[in-house]
Amino acid sequence: MPFSEVLDREELADLARRAANAAGSAVRRALDDRPQQLESLAPLLSPAAAEMLEALARASHESTVARFGKTIALFAPLYLSNECVCTCTYCGFSMGLDIKRRTLFPAEVENEARELAHRGMRNILLVSSEHPKRVPPQYVASCIEAAKRHAPYVGIEIAAAEEDDYRRFVVAGCDGVVLYQETYDVDVYKRHHLGGPKMRFGWRMDALERASKAGAKHLGIGALMGLSDWRFEALALVAHARYLERYCWRSQINVSLPRINPAAGGFVADHPIGDRDFVQMICFLRLALPTAGIVLSTRERPELRDKLTPLGVTVMSAGSSTEPGGYEQPGAAGEQFELEDTRTPDEVARRLRELGYDPVFKDWENMALERAAAR
């Protein structure tokens, strides 16, 4: 049974309401006992837990170091296209917006990947808006092959696809698939997805299960923070990640919680999440998902990213551009959203070392395979 049929929105919403009113004693029990049940961990999302944020952060840090050590994997997004047939209220690529539209040719994708390699980036995430004619499966496979010539690790963040298409992507060299549900509240989802194939809530939610069956080694989920109540989204993310860990156990699971940033269209978040709640949510995710990677994007300010580094984050984007061709020809196409951290990969890596962390630019599993093949 796919996760879309397992997800109980009403149950999670009720748990979020109870978590918002949890007492300090329930928070202390969750910190001391580290229970596995989501209901017992939910008090870590409460205002009472926010009053114990230092203890929560310490527990999150200890859990992260125990599992991942003091390393941060760095990656860069490479945008293939901003041409889109979907109407999404929050997105700078939404159909109908007056922006410069562009779809890269595979040769241009290779040029972008080569440029990223010159900047030290060895982990690339290919990102695209949804356009079945401009970004069909055969085009995506060609782009994966092009990027793979310069990056040992290539992931994709594109429209939800069929299992056979994901299998084609894996054969082309795809290592991981990222697909954010945006929000796990189906009613909120409907309000913000007004046209195009992205309107299919369940189809999108179950895509990563299809990707795992096709052989994807890494799966990335996330919610766009600001569309719905952050406590509900945190609980839903944990439920989804645990489901994937159980049924897609061959794949490593990563979780992301990007916050809405200014973009073309001027969308304003209905449920903005402040920095303190954002920190609390990251700590909760780490304690609820001790083996999952937690991804932090360049949507966040440099000083906040630095402070979040010890609290549970294991993967960061660096030196990002959110426009197609933005590394070789910045300004030639519209951006998906505005960035907050504009530091170069070298500057991010230098700061991580100052904080006592090792920046990782290359996927070590692939490196070992390359050495074996060279013998």
Protein backbone atom coordinates (compact mmCIF):
# COMPACT_ATOMS: atom_id res chain seq x y z
CA MET A 1 0.00 0.00 0.00
CA PRO A 2 1.59 3.36 -1.03
CA PHE A 3 2.13 6.15 1.47
CA SER A 4 -0.64 8.27 -0.04
CA GLU A 5 -3.10 5.63 1.18
CA VAL A 6 -1.44 5.32 4.60
CA LEU A 7 -1.20 9.06 5.38
CA ASP A 8 -3.88 10.04 7.89
CA ARG A 9 -4.06 13.82 7.76
CA GLU A 10 -6.65 14.12 10.51
CA GLU A 11 -4.62 11.99 12.90
CA LEU A 12 -1.48 14.05 12.26
CA ALA A 13 -3.39 17.33 12.58
CA ASP A 14 -4.77 16.17 15.93
CA LEU A 15 -1.28 15.16 17.06
CA ALA A 16 0.04 18.58 16.01
CA ARG A 17 -2.65 20.30 18.11
CA ARG A 18 -1.79 18.15 21.12
CA ALA A 19 1.91 18.77 20.59
CA ALA A 20 1.31 22.52 20.64
CA ASN A 21 -0.11 22.15 24.16
CA ALA A 22 2.30 19.57 25.59
CA ALA A 23 3.65 20.11 29.09
CA GLY A 24 7.30 20.47 30.04
CA SER A 25 7.24 17.06 31.74
CA ALA A 26 6.38 15.39 28.42
CA VAL A 27 9.27 17.25 26.76
CA ARG A 28 11.71 16.08 29.43
CA ARG A 29 10.53 12.47 29.04
CA ALA A 30 11.05 12.65 25.29
CA LEU A 31 14.57 14.04 25.75
CA ASP A 32 15.52 11.53 28.44
CA ASP A 33 13.91 8.38 27.03
CA ARG A 34 14.23 9.03 23.27
CA PRO A 35 11.05 7.06 22.47
CA GLN A 36 10.41 5.78 18.95
CA GLN A 37 6.67 6.45 18.91
CA LEU A 38 5.80 9.62 17.03
CA GLU A 39 3.14 10.48 19.61
CA SER A 40 5.75 10.43 22.39
CA LEU A 41 8.20 12.55 20.39
CA ALA A 42 5.62 15.14 19.32
CA PRO A 43 6.02 17.22 22.55
CA LEU A 44 9.45 18.23 21.21
CA LEU A 45 7.50 20.53 18.86
CA SER A 46 5.72 22.34 21.70
CA PRO A 47 6.22 25.86 23.09
CA ALA A 48 7.37 24.11 26.27
CA ALA A 49 10.18 22.50 24.26
CA ALA A 50 11.08 25.89 22.82
CA GLU A 51 11.80 26.98 26.40
CA MET A 52 14.31 24.09 26.57
CA LEU A 53 15.83 24.77 23.15
CA GLU A 54 19.40 24.56 24.44
CA ALA A 55 18.85 21.04 25.75
CA LEU A 56 17.04 20.09 22.55
CA ALA A 57 19.92 21.44 20.44
CA ARG A 58 22.48 19.57 22.54
CA ALA A 59 20.61 16.28 22.11
CA SER A 60 20.29 16.88 18.37
CA HIS A 61 23.99 17.65 18.03
CA GLU A 62 24.99 14.50 19.93
CA SER A 63 22.71 12.33 17.80
CA THR A 64 24.09 13.81 14.57
CA VAL A 65 27.74 13.38 15.51
CA ALA A 66 27.14 9.81 16.69
CA ARG A 67 25.70 8.84 13.31
CA PHE A 68 27.39 11.14 10.77
CA GLY A 69 30.48 12.48 12.48
CA LYS A 70 31.42 16.10 11.81
CA THR A 71 31.04 16.12 8.05
CA ILE A 72 28.81 18.18 5.75
CA ALA A 73 28.20 17.06 2.18
CA LEU A 74 28.06 19.95 -0.30
CA PHE A 75 26.09 20.02 -3.54
CA ALA A 76 24.93 22.49 -6.17
CA PRO A 77 21.63 22.60 -8.06
CA LEU A 78 21.84 22.80 -11.85
CA TYR A 79 18.62 24.10 -13.39
CA LEU A 80 17.65 22.55 -16.73
CA SER A 81 14.50 24.52 -17.54
CA ASN A 82 12.13 27.14 -16.16
CA GLU A 83 9.44 26.50 -18.78
CA CYS A 84 6.39 25.17 -16.94
CA VAL A 85 2.83 24.00 -17.59
CA CYS A 86 1.87 24.13 -13.90
CA THR A 87 0.24 26.98 -12.02
CA CYS A 88 1.59 27.02 -8.46
CA THR A 89 0.91 30.10 -6.38
CA TYR A 90 4.32 30.22 -4.65
CA CYS A 91 6.69 29.38 -7.52
CA GLY A 92 8.72 31.84 -9.57
CA PHE A 93 8.46 29.49 -12.57
CA SER A 94 4.65 29.25 -12.47
CA MET A 95 2.96 29.31 -15.88
CA GLY A 96 1.68 32.75 -16.75
CA LEU A 97 4.40 34.73 -14.97
CA ASP A 98 6.31 37.16 -17.15
CA ILE A 99 9.87 35.88 -16.79
CA LYS A 100 12.66 34.95 -19.19
CA ARG A 101 12.08 31.29 -20.09
CA ARG A 102 14.85 28.92 -21.11
CA THR A 103 15.54 25.20 -21.47
CA LEU A 104 19.17 24.14 -21.72
CA PHE A 105 20.41 21.80 -24.42
CA PRO A 106 22.31 18.75 -23.07
CA ALA A 107 25.55 20.31 -24.34
CA GLU A 108 24.77 23.41 -22.27
CA VAL A 109 24.07 21.20 -19.26
CA GLU A 110 27.53 19.69 -19.70
CA ASN A 111 29.04 23.18 -19.85
CA GLU A 112 27.27 24.08 -16.61
CA ALA A 113 28.47 20.85 -14.97
CA ARG A 114 32.00 21.54 -16.16
CA GLU A 115 31.85 25.02 -14.67
CA LEU A 116 30.63 23.62 -11.35
CA ALA A 117 33.47 21.09 -11.40
CA HIS A 118 35.94 23.96 -11.87
CA ARG A 119 34.44 25.50 -8.74
CA GLY A 120 35.02 22.28 -6.82
CA MET A 121 31.45 20.93 -6.84
CA ARG A 122 31.35 17.17 -7.43
CA ASN A 123 27.75 16.58 -6.33
CA ILE A 124 25.12 18.01 -8.70
CA LEU A 125 21.33 18.06 -8.44
CA LEU A 126 19.56 18.55 -11.79
CA VAL A 127 16.42 20.64 -11.22
CA SER A 128 13.61 21.42 -13.63
CA SER A 129 10.12 22.83 -13.78
CA GLU A 130 7.35 20.63 -15.20
CA HIS A 131 6.92 20.65 -18.97
CA PRO A 132 6.26 17.26 -20.65
CA LYS A 133 7.29 18.55 -24.11
CA ARG A 134 10.32 20.60 -23.12
CA VAL A 135 11.56 18.19 -20.42
CA PRO A 136 10.58 14.66 -21.54
CA PRO A 137 12.24 11.54 -20.03
CA GLN A 138 14.69 11.08 -22.91
CA TYR A 139 15.88 14.67 -22.46
CA VAL A 140 16.37 14.17 -18.71
CA ALA A 141 18.39 11.00 -19.34
CA SER A 142 20.62 12.87 -21.79
CA CYS A 143 21.17 15.64 -19.24
CA ILE A 144 22.10 13.09 -16.57
CA GLU A 145 24.68 11.56 -18.91
CA ALA A 146 26.05 15.02 -19.72
CA ALA A 147 26.39 16.03 -16.06
CA LYS A 148 27.86 12.66 -15.10
CA ARG A 149 30.91 13.36 -17.25
CA HIS A 150 31.95 15.98 -14.70
CA ALA A 151 30.30 14.92 -11.44
CA PRO A 152 30.60 11.54 -9.68
CA TYR A 153 27.19 12.11 -8.06
CA VAL A 154 24.16 13.31 -10.03
CA GLY A 155 20.67 13.54 -8.57
CA ILE A 156 17.44 14.84 -10.07
CA GLU A 157 14.62 17.04 -8.80
CA ILE A 158 12.05 16.99 -11.60
CA ALA A 159 8.40 16.17 -12.18
CA ALA A 160 7.01 12.94 -10.71
CA ALA A 161 7.67 10.12 -13.18
CA GLU A 162 6.74 6.55 -14.00
CA GLU A 163 8.83 3.69 -12.62
CA ASP A 164 10.16 2.85 -16.11
CA ASP A 165 11.31 6.44 -16.55
CA TYR A 166 13.11 6.37 -13.21
CA ARG A 167 14.77 3.15 -14.33
CA ARG A 168 15.95 4.93 -17.48
CA PHE A 169 17.38 7.72 -15.34
CA VAL A 170 19.24 5.26 -13.11
CA VAL A 171 20.75 3.54 -16.16
CA ALA A 172 21.85 6.98 -17.41
CA GLY A 173 23.73 7.53 -14.12
CA CYS A 174 21.20 9.04 -11.73
CA ASP A 175 22.19 8.43 -8.10
CA GLY A 176 19.28 10.02 -6.25
CA VAL A 177 15.78 11.42 -6.68
CA VAL A 178 14.45 14.44 -4.77
CA LEU A 179 10.76 15.32 -4.80
CA TYR A 180 9.19 17.66 -2.28
CA GLN A 181 5.51 17.20 -1.54
CA GLU A 182 5.39 20.95 -0.75
CA THR A 183 2.62 20.32 1.81
CA TYR A 184 1.08 17.16 3.25
CA ASP A 185 -2.27 18.86 3.83
CA VAL A 186 -4.32 17.90 0.78
CA ASP A 187 -6.71 20.85 1.15
CA VAL A 188 -3.84 23.33 1.33
CA TYR A 189 -2.18 21.52 -1.58
CA LYS A 190 -5.28 22.06 -3.73
CA ARG A 191 -5.36 25.79 -2.92
CA HIS A 192 -1.82 26.30 -4.15
CA HIS A 193 -1.68 23.96 -7.16
CA LEU A 194 -4.21 25.36 -9.59
CA GLY A 195 -3.26 23.80 -12.92
CA GLY A 196 -1.04 21.23 -14.58
CA PRO A 197 0.11 17.68 -13.71
CA LYS A 198 1.39 18.75 -10.31
CA MET A 199 -2.23 18.91 -9.14
CA ARG A 200 -2.10 15.11 -8.62
CA PHE A 201 -1.43 14.96 -4.87
CA GLY A 202 -1.18 11.18 -4.44
CA TRP A 203 0.73 10.59 -7.67
CA ARG A 204 3.41 13.03 -6.54
CA MET A 205 3.57 11.64 -3.01
CA ASP A 206 4.19 8.07 -4.18
CA ALA A 207 6.81 8.93 -6.81
CA LEU A 208 9.79 8.18 -4.58
CA GLU A 209 8.52 4.66 -4.01
CA ARG A 210 8.61 4.19 -7.79
CA ALA A 211 12.11 5.68 -7.90
CA SER A 212 13.32 3.29 -5.20
CA LYS A 213 11.94 0.29 -7.08
CA ALA A 214 13.85 1.54 -10.12
CA GLY A 215 17.13 1.51 -8.18
CA ALA A 216 17.65 5.07 -6.96
CA LYS A 217 20.21 4.99 -4.13
CA HIS A 218 19.07 8.19 -2.41
CA LEU A 219 15.58 9.59 -1.88
CA GLY A 220 14.88 13.17 -0.80
CA ILE A 221 11.59 14.42 0.64
CA GLY A 222 10.58 17.83 1.94
CA ALA A 223 7.84 20.32 2.72
CA LEU A 224 7.83 23.97 1.66
CA MET A 225 7.66 25.76 4.98
CA GLY A 226 5.05 28.51 5.04
CA LEU A 227 2.17 26.82 3.23
CA SER A 228 0.73 25.10 6.30
CA ASP A 229 1.25 24.69 10.05
CA TRP A 230 4.91 23.81 10.66
CA ARG A 231 4.17 21.31 13.41
CA PHE A 232 1.84 19.35 11.13
CA GLU A 233 4.40 19.36 8.33
CA ALA A 234 7.16 18.19 10.70
CA LEU A 235 5.07 15.23 11.86
CA ALA A 236 4.07 14.35 8.29
CA LEU A 237 7.70 14.49 7.14
CA VAL A 238 8.71 12.07 9.87
CA ALA A 239 5.84 9.73 9.04
CA HIS A 240 6.79 9.76 5.35
CA ALA A 241 10.50 9.30 6.02
CA ARG A 242 9.87 6.38 8.36
CA TYR A 243 7.60 4.77 5.78
CA LEU A 244 10.33 5.08 3.13
CA GLU A 245 12.98 3.75 5.53
CA ARG A 246 10.82 0.69 6.10
CA TYR A 247 9.67 -0.08 2.57
CA CYS A 248 12.48 1.46 0.49
CA TRP A 249 15.26 0.25 2.76
CA ARG A 250 17.82 -0.02 -0.04
CA SER A 251 17.77 3.77 -0.37
CA GLN A 252 19.21 6.43 1.95
CA ILE A 253 16.56 8.98 2.97
CA ASN A 254 17.19 12.73 3.15
CA VAL A 255 14.76 15.31 4.51
CA SER A 256 14.59 19.00 3.64
CA LEU A 257 12.51 21.90 4.94
CA PRO A 258 12.99 24.88 2.59
CA ARG A 259 11.32 28.12 3.64
CA ILE A 260 9.42 30.26 1.16
CA ASN A 261 11.62 33.04 -0.25
CA PRO A 262 10.66 36.05 -2.39
CA ALA A 263 10.04 35.11 -6.04
CA ALA A 264 8.34 36.39 -9.17
CA GLY A 265 4.61 36.68 -8.47
CA GLY A 266 5.07 38.16 -5.00
CA PHE A 267 3.62 35.22 -3.04
CA VAL A 268 3.38 35.75 0.72
CA ALA A 269 3.40 32.70 3.03
CA ASP A 270 0.19 31.97 4.93
CA HIS A 271 2.09 30.33 7.81
CA PRO A 272 5.59 31.87 8.01
CA ILE A 273 7.97 30.04 10.34
CA GLY A 274 10.43 32.08 12.38
CA ASP A 275 14.06 31.22 13.01
CA ARG A 276 13.47 29.86 16.50
CA ASP A 277 10.70 27.50 15.35
CA PHE A 278 12.86 26.52 12.37
CA VAL A 279 15.71 25.52 14.70
CA GLN A 280 13.28 23.57 16.88
CA MET A 281 11.93 21.72 13.85
CA ILE A 282 15.42 20.68 12.71
CA CYS A 283 16.22 19.34 16.17
CA PHE A 284 12.94 17.42 16.24
CA LEU A 285 13.64 15.88 12.82
CA ARG A 286 17.08 14.77 13.92
CA LEU A 287 15.84 13.09 17.10
CA ALA A 288 12.90 11.48 15.30
CA LEU A 289 15.00 10.41 12.28
CA PRO A 290 18.50 9.61 13.60
CA THR A 291 19.68 7.93 10.37
CA ALA A 292 18.23 10.38 7.83
CA GLY A 293 20.22 13.14 6.20
CA ILE A 294 18.95 16.70 6.78
CA VAL A 295 19.42 19.14 3.91
CA LEU A 296 19.81 22.92 4.28
CA SER A 297 19.55 25.16 1.21
CA THR A 298 20.96 28.54 0.29
CA ARG A 299 17.49 29.99 0.94
CA GLU A 300 18.80 30.63 4.48
CA ARG A 301 21.09 33.45 5.59
CA PRO A 302 24.80 32.64 5.96
CA GLU A 303 24.87 33.38 9.71
CA LEU A 304 21.86 31.14 10.32
CA ARG A 305 23.32 28.33 8.22
CA ASP A 306 26.51 28.53 10.27
CA LYS A 307 24.55 28.27 13.53
CA LEU A 308 22.47 25.34 12.24
CA THR A 309 25.51 23.33 11.16
CA PRO A 310 26.04 21.57 14.53
CA LEU A 311 22.34 20.95 15.17
CA GLY A 312 21.50 18.17 12.75
CA VAL A 313 22.32 19.32 9.24
CA THR A 314 24.35 16.86 7.13
CA VAL A 315 23.95 18.22 3.58
CA MET A 316 24.16 21.81 2.26
CA SER A 317 23.91 23.48 -1.10
CA ALA A 318 26.65 25.99 -1.86
CA GLY A 319 27.35 28.54 -4.57
CA SER A 320 23.86 28.00 -5.96
CA SER A 321 22.03 29.50 -8.92
CA THR A 322 18.27 29.02 -9.43
CA GLU A 323 18.13 29.91 -13.13
CA PRO A 324 18.87 27.71 -16.17
CA GLY A 325 22.40 28.51 -17.36
CA GLY A 326 23.04 30.58 -14.26
CA TYR A 327 26.63 29.45 -13.73
CA GLU A 328 27.99 30.31 -17.19
CA GLN A 329 25.45 32.97 -18.21
CA PRO A 330 23.84 34.53 -15.13
CA GLY A 331 20.85 36.73 -15.85
CA ALA A 332 19.85 35.03 -19.11
CA ALA A 333 16.74 33.41 -17.56
CA GLY A 334 14.33 33.94 -14.68
CA GLU A 335 15.16 32.66 -11.18
CA GLN A 336 12.90 30.33 -9.21
CA PHE A 337 13.44 32.30 -5.98
CA GLU A 338 15.93 34.68 -4.37
CA LEU A 339 18.95 33.26 -2.55
CA GLU A 340 20.14 34.38 0.88
CA ASP A 341 23.53 32.68 1.07
CA THR A 342 25.55 33.82 -1.94
CA ARG A 343 28.93 32.60 -0.69
CA THR A 344 31.09 30.60 -3.08
CA PRO A 345 31.68 26.88 -2.43
CA ASP A 346 35.20 27.71 -1.24
CA GLU A 347 33.87 30.30 1.20
CA VAL A 348 31.28 27.87 2.57
CA ALA A 349 33.89 25.13 2.91
CA ARG A 350 36.29 27.50 4.67
CA ARG A 351 33.62 28.49 7.18
CA LEU A 352 32.70 24.86 7.85
CA ARG A 353 36.35 24.08 8.63
CA GLU A 354 36.45 27.04 11.01
CA LEU A 355 33.44 25.52 12.77
CA GLY A 356 35.28 22.20 13.11
CA TYR A 357 33.50 20.38 10.28
CA ASP A 358 34.83 18.62 7.19
CA PRO A 359 33.18 19.71 3.92
CA VAL A 360 32.70 16.76 1.55
CA PHE A 361 32.59 17.60 -2.14
CA LYS A 362 32.57 14.09 -3.56
CA ASP A 363 30.52 10.95 -3.03
CA TRP A 364 33.00 8.51 -1.47
CA GLU A 365 31.18 5.38 -2.60
CA ASN A 366 31.58 6.41 -6.21
CA MET A 367 35.20 7.30 -5.55
CA ALA A 368 35.86 3.78 -4.29
CA LEU A 369 34.17 2.34 -7.37
CA GLU A 370 36.32 4.50 -9.62
CA ARG A 371 39.48 3.25 -7.91
CA ALA A 372 38.37 -0.36 -8.25
CA ALA A 373 37.61 0.14 -11.95
CA ALA A 374 41.05 1.66 -12.53
CA ARG A 375 42.90 -1.41 -11.21
